[in-house]
Amino acid sequence: MTPQATIPDDVRAEILVRLRRAETEHSVRILFAIESGSRAWGFASPNSDYDVRFIYMHEPSWYQAVDLEERRDVIEYPILDDIDLNGWDVRKALRLFWKSNPAFVEWIQSPIIYMETSGFRGQALQALSRIYAPEKGVYHYRSMAKTNYRGYLKEPMVRLKKYFYVLRPLLAAQWVESRRGAAPIEFDTLLTLLSDQKDVLAAVHTLLAQKRNTPELGMAPAVPVLNEFIEAALLQEIREAPKKSRSPGVVDLLNDIFHRTLREYEATTELSSS
């Protein structure tokens, strides 16, 4: 089953209705919309929320304003019928991309795409290797793994599904550290890092099968083999590597993506009005 197929047709249709409604309500154009949560990662439960994230833009003149920095650059809706819908303005997204924001980096890699109306996501993906700062990715994912481990898995009885909220960032950190590039979003791909640790991998697959097929994994005794792996990995020193130098051309690259997106908007508007 492909990741796209994990979204029921009726849910996908409702998500598209809400995305189009957001465009109308806020006078924006959505550049792309994806699934960002556990469904995109590949370990959703049947009753998991749909975490829909999107990047949008206003008409080009909106960005030519004295009060631009004071204007709202996010669109947020309350969760309704398990659909969590939120988006960022394109300029905000590119500024965060400049800082290797982990959320944006994961969004552009999502295997579940609801809407794509421009070349923006593809351009961001092409630029990823030049912009991404591995040291920031390692720090982010290791910090997340440590926090989640202390918060969820240090007791004798634990909520089993929380293992995935420790293992995913931990493996993502190892991927970034060893390959000096952004980690893939799919959990199954990250699991290739465990190919030589058969007992750990077997325990993860057992939990995966349960989580994918039951609404909720309940409380149970901690899994010793997983706790030992996590603790050993968190104790490991981060491999020393020179920080990626920030090339002056990166800002030019981001500006180029922004300007191309604005020109594409204008060209599309001219075509639709002619």
Protein backbone atom coordinates (compact mmCIF):
# COMPACT_ATOMS: atom_id res chain seq x y z
CA MET A 1 0.00 0.00 0.00
CA THR A 2 1.44 3.37 -1.01
CA PRO A 3 1.43 6.26 1.49
CA GLN A 4 -1.09 8.09 -0.73
CA ALA A 5 -3.46 5.14 -0.40
CA THR A 6 -3.50 5.43 3.40
CA ILE A 7 -5.84 8.44 3.12
CA PRO A 8 -9.47 7.35 2.54
CA ASP A 9 -11.07 8.95 -0.51
CA ASP A 10 -13.80 10.66 1.49
CA VAL A 11 -11.27 12.17 3.91
CA ARG A 12 -9.06 13.35 1.05
CA ALA A 13 -12.07 14.97 -0.60
CA GLU A 14 -13.01 16.77 2.62
CA ILE A 15 -9.44 17.98 3.09
CA LEU A 16 -9.45 19.43 -0.43
CA VAL A 17 -12.76 21.20 0.28
CA ARG A 18 -11.26 22.78 3.39
CA LEU A 19 -8.09 23.81 1.57
CA ARG A 20 -10.10 25.53 -1.16
CA ARG A 21 -12.22 27.20 1.51
CA ALA A 22 -9.07 28.48 3.22
CA GLU A 23 -7.93 30.01 -0.07
CA THR A 24 -11.23 31.84 -0.42
CA GLU A 25 -11.50 32.95 3.23
CA HIS A 26 -7.96 34.36 3.32
CA SER A 27 -7.56 35.45 -0.32
CA VAL A 28 -4.48 33.28 -0.82
CA ARG A 29 -3.25 30.61 -3.19
CA ILE A 30 -2.01 27.34 -1.71
CA LEU A 31 1.27 26.25 -3.32
CA PHE A 32 1.24 22.75 -1.87
CA ALA A 33 -0.46 20.83 0.91
CA ILE A 34 0.79 17.60 2.47
CA GLU A 35 0.30 15.20 5.37
CA SER A 36 2.91 15.83 8.05
CA GLY A 37 2.24 13.55 10.99
CA SER A 38 2.32 9.88 11.83
CA ARG A 39 0.47 8.99 8.63
CA ALA A 40 3.32 10.47 6.59
CA TRP A 41 5.92 8.91 8.86
CA GLY A 42 4.34 5.49 8.36
CA PHE A 43 3.22 4.48 11.84
CA ALA A 44 -0.29 5.88 12.15
CA SER A 45 -2.99 4.16 14.14
CA PRO A 46 -6.38 3.75 12.44
CA ASN A 47 -7.75 6.67 14.49
CA SER A 48 -4.78 9.03 14.13
CA ASP A 49 -5.48 12.65 13.23
CA TYR A 50 -4.85 13.96 9.72
CA ASP A 51 -2.11 16.56 10.12
CA VAL A 52 -2.53 18.69 7.01
CA ARG A 53 0.12 21.36 6.47
CA PHE A 54 0.35 23.80 3.58
CA ILE A 55 2.36 26.70 2.19
CA TYR A 56 0.41 29.56 0.68
CA MET A 57 1.01 32.96 -0.88
CA HIS A 58 -0.85 36.23 -1.25
CA GLU A 59 -0.94 38.22 -4.43
CA PRO A 60 2.51 39.79 -5.07
CA SER A 61 1.47 43.30 -4.04
CA TRP A 62 0.70 42.04 -0.52
CA TYR A 63 4.45 41.71 0.11
CA GLN A 64 5.14 45.32 -0.91
CA ALA A 65 4.01 46.96 2.31
CA VAL A 66 5.52 49.04 5.08
CA ASP A 67 3.79 46.88 7.69
CA LEU A 68 4.79 43.54 6.14
CA GLU A 69 6.53 42.33 9.30
CA GLU A 70 3.36 42.99 11.33
CA ARG A 71 1.07 41.09 8.98
CA ARG A 72 -0.12 37.64 10.02
CA ASP A 73 1.81 34.91 8.20
CA VAL A 74 0.04 31.76 9.40
CA ILE A 75 -3.40 30.25 8.83
CA GLU A 76 -4.72 28.03 11.60
CA TYR A 77 -7.95 26.12 12.08
CA PRO A 78 -9.18 24.16 15.11
CA ILE A 79 -9.12 20.39 14.78
CA LEU A 80 -12.46 19.22 13.39
CA ASP A 81 -13.40 15.61 12.61
CA ASP A 82 -9.77 14.55 13.18
CA ILE A 83 -8.49 16.98 10.53
CA ASP A 84 -5.80 19.40 11.77
CA LEU A 85 -5.29 22.11 9.12
CA ASN A 86 -2.52 24.74 9.36
CA GLY A 87 -0.36 26.67 6.92
CA TRP A 88 2.51 29.14 6.58
CA ASP A 89 2.98 32.05 4.23
CA VAL A 90 5.65 31.40 1.59
CA ARG A 91 7.95 34.14 2.85
CA LYS A 92 7.79 32.81 6.41
CA ALA A 93 8.47 29.31 5.06
CA LEU A 94 11.56 30.40 3.13
CA ARG A 95 12.95 32.33 6.10
CA LEU A 96 12.55 29.20 8.24
CA PHE A 97 14.05 27.07 5.46
CA TRP A 98 17.10 29.34 5.63
CA LYS A 99 17.45 28.22 9.28
CA SER A 100 16.97 24.52 8.39
CA ASN A 101 13.62 24.45 10.16
CA PRO A 102 12.90 20.73 10.70
CA ALA A 103 9.15 21.02 10.13
CA PHE A 104 9.51 22.66 6.72
CA VAL A 105 12.27 20.23 5.72
CA GLU A 106 9.93 17.33 6.53
CA TRP A 107 6.93 18.94 4.80
CA ILE A 108 8.66 19.23 1.43
CA GLN A 109 9.65 15.54 1.67
CA SER A 110 6.22 14.20 2.64
CA PRO A 111 5.09 11.20 0.56
CA ILE A 112 1.41 12.21 0.96
CA ILE A 113 0.48 15.21 -1.16
CA TYR A 114 -3.03 16.66 -1.14
CA MET A 115 -2.48 19.61 -3.44
CA GLU A 116 0.36 21.04 -5.53
CA THR A 117 -0.28 24.04 -7.74
CA SER A 118 3.20 25.40 -8.38
CA GLY A 119 6.83 24.45 -8.75
CA PHE A 120 7.66 25.75 -5.28
CA ARG A 121 8.03 22.40 -3.49
CA GLY A 122 10.20 20.97 -6.24
CA GLN A 123 12.45 24.04 -6.17
CA ALA A 124 12.79 23.76 -2.39
CA LEU A 125 13.72 20.08 -2.69
CA GLN A 126 16.37 20.90 -5.28
CA ALA A 127 17.82 23.52 -2.93
CA LEU A 128 17.71 21.30 0.17
CA SER A 129 21.27 19.95 -0.05
CA ARG A 130 22.70 23.47 -0.34
CA ILE A 131 20.65 25.00 2.45
CA TYR A 132 20.37 22.26 5.06
CA ALA A 133 22.71 22.58 8.07
CA PRO A 134 23.30 19.02 9.42
CA GLU A 135 24.49 20.19 12.84
CA LYS A 136 21.11 21.85 13.41
CA GLY A 137 19.28 18.69 12.40
CA VAL A 138 21.33 16.51 14.74
CA TYR A 139 20.77 18.88 17.66
CA HIS A 140 17.01 19.11 17.00
CA TYR A 141 16.38 15.38 16.68
CA ARG A 142 18.62 14.35 19.58
CA SER A 143 16.96 16.92 21.83
CA MET A 144 13.54 15.64 20.82
CA ALA A 145 14.55 12.03 21.48
CA LYS A 146 15.96 12.88 24.90
CA THR A 147 12.92 14.89 25.94
CA ASN A 148 10.46 12.26 24.78
CA TYR A 149 12.41 9.42 26.40
CA ARG A 150 12.48 11.15 29.76
CA GLY A 151 8.83 12.16 29.45
CA TYR A 152 7.38 8.87 28.20
CA LEU A 153 9.57 5.82 28.69
CA LYS A 154 11.49 6.04 31.97
CA GLU A 155 8.85 4.29 34.07
CA PRO A 156 8.33 0.51 34.44
CA MET A 157 4.91 0.84 32.78
CA VAL A 158 4.82 2.91 29.58
CA ARG A 159 2.46 3.81 26.76
CA LEU A 160 3.87 1.65 23.98
CA LYS A 161 3.07 4.02 21.12
CA LYS A 162 5.45 6.57 22.63
CA TYR A 163 8.42 4.44 21.58
CA PHE A 164 7.92 5.78 18.05
CA TYR A 165 8.18 9.37 19.27
CA VAL A 166 11.62 8.54 20.63
CA LEU A 167 12.89 6.14 17.98
CA ARG A 168 11.99 8.29 14.98
CA PRO A 169 13.95 11.40 16.06
CA LEU A 170 16.78 9.25 17.40
CA LEU A 171 17.20 7.44 14.08
CA ALA A 172 16.75 10.71 12.17
CA ALA A 173 19.62 12.21 14.18
CA GLN A 174 21.82 9.22 13.39
CA TRP A 175 20.94 9.53 9.70
CA VAL A 176 21.83 13.23 9.58
CA GLU A 177 25.01 12.67 11.55
CA SER A 178 26.29 9.83 9.36
CA ARG A 179 25.19 11.17 5.98
CA ARG A 180 25.45 14.93 6.58
CA GLY A 181 22.11 15.58 4.95
CA ALA A 182 18.42 15.81 5.78
CA ALA A 183 16.84 12.63 7.12
CA PRO A 184 14.03 10.97 5.14
CA ILE A 185 10.56 11.33 6.57
CA GLU A 186 9.50 7.66 6.25
CA PHE A 187 10.13 5.59 9.38
CA ASP A 188 10.67 2.40 7.34
CA THR A 189 13.61 4.06 5.58
CA LEU A 190 15.12 5.14 8.89
CA LEU A 191 14.84 1.54 10.10
CA THR A 192 17.50 0.51 7.57
CA LEU A 193 19.97 1.94 10.08
CA LEU A 194 19.09 -1.00 12.35
CA SER A 195 19.83 -3.72 9.79
CA ASP A 196 22.67 -5.12 11.94
CA GLN A 197 20.65 -5.05 15.18
CA LYS A 198 18.16 -7.84 14.58
CA ASP A 199 16.70 -7.98 18.10
CA VAL A 200 16.00 -4.26 18.18
CA LEU A 201 14.53 -4.34 14.69
CA ALA A 202 12.29 -7.29 15.57
CA ALA A 203 10.94 -5.48 18.64
CA VAL A 204 10.22 -2.35 16.56
CA HIS A 205 8.40 -4.35 13.89
CA THR A 206 6.27 -6.05 16.55
CA LEU A 207 5.16 -2.67 17.89
CA LEU A 208 4.66 -1.32 14.37
CA ALA A 209 2.28 -4.12 13.49
CA GLN A 210 0.26 -3.45 16.64
CA LYS A 211 0.13 0.31 16.16
CA ARG A 212 -0.89 0.17 12.51
CA ASN A 213 -3.77 -2.19 13.24
CA THR A 214 -5.22 -1.08 16.56
CA PRO A 215 -6.78 2.26 17.54
CA GLU A 216 -4.56 2.68 20.57
CA LEU A 217 -1.60 0.92 22.11
CA GLY A 218 -2.19 0.83 25.84
CA MET A 219 0.05 0.79 28.87
CA ALA A 220 2.43 -2.15 29.16
CA PRO A 221 5.79 -3.00 30.71
CA ALA A 222 8.71 -1.20 29.09
CA VAL A 223 10.49 -3.15 26.33
CA PRO A 224 14.01 -3.75 27.70
CA VAL A 225 15.73 -4.25 24.34
CA LEU A 226 14.39 -0.93 23.08
CA ASN A 227 15.21 0.96 26.27
CA GLU A 228 18.77 -0.38 26.19
CA PHE A 229 19.18 0.65 22.57
CA ILE A 230 17.79 4.14 23.20
CA GLU A 231 19.90 4.74 26.29
CA ALA A 232 23.09 3.56 24.58
CA ALA A 233 22.38 5.74 21.53
CA LEU A 234 21.72 8.82 23.65
CA LEU A 235 24.98 8.30 25.54
CA GLN A 236 27.02 8.16 22.36
CA GLU A 237 29.08 11.21 21.59
CA ILE A 238 28.06 13.08 18.47
CA ARG A 239 30.59 12.44 15.74
CA GLU A 240 32.80 15.48 15.30
CA ALA A 241 32.37 17.12 11.92
CA PRO A 242 32.97 20.63 10.68
CA LYS A 243 29.89 22.79 10.60
CA LYS A 244 28.53 23.46 7.16
CA SER A 245 29.61 26.93 6.15
CA ARG A 246 26.81 29.32 5.32
CA SER A 247 27.39 30.28 1.71
CA PRO A 248 26.45 33.86 0.77
CA GLY A 249 24.69 32.34 -2.24
CA VAL A 250 22.08 30.68 -0.04
CA VAL A 251 20.13 33.89 0.50
CA ASP A 252 20.26 34.57 -3.24
CA LEU A 253 18.93 31.07 -3.86
CA LEU A 254 16.01 31.58 -1.47
CA ASN A 255 15.25 34.96 -2.99
CA ASP A 256 15.27 33.37 -6.42
CA ILE A 257 12.72 30.74 -5.31
CA PHE A 258 10.56 33.51 -3.82
CA HIS A 259 10.71 35.67 -6.95
CA ARG A 260 10.01 32.73 -9.25
CA THR A 261 6.95 31.90 -7.14
CA LEU A 262 5.72 35.49 -7.43
CA ARG A 263 6.22 35.47 -11.20
CA GLU A 264 4.42 32.15 -11.50
CA TYR A 265 1.47 33.63 -9.57
CA GLU A 266 1.32 36.60 -11.91
CA ALA A 267 1.58 34.46 -15.04
CA THR A 268 -1.17 32.12 -13.83
CA THR A 269 -3.42 35.07 -12.97
CA GLU A 270 -2.93 36.59 -16.41
CA LEU A 271 -3.79 33.29 -18.11
CA SER A 272 -6.95 32.80 -16.05
CA SER A 273 -8.17 36.35 -16.74
CA SER A 274 -7.51 36.28 -20.50
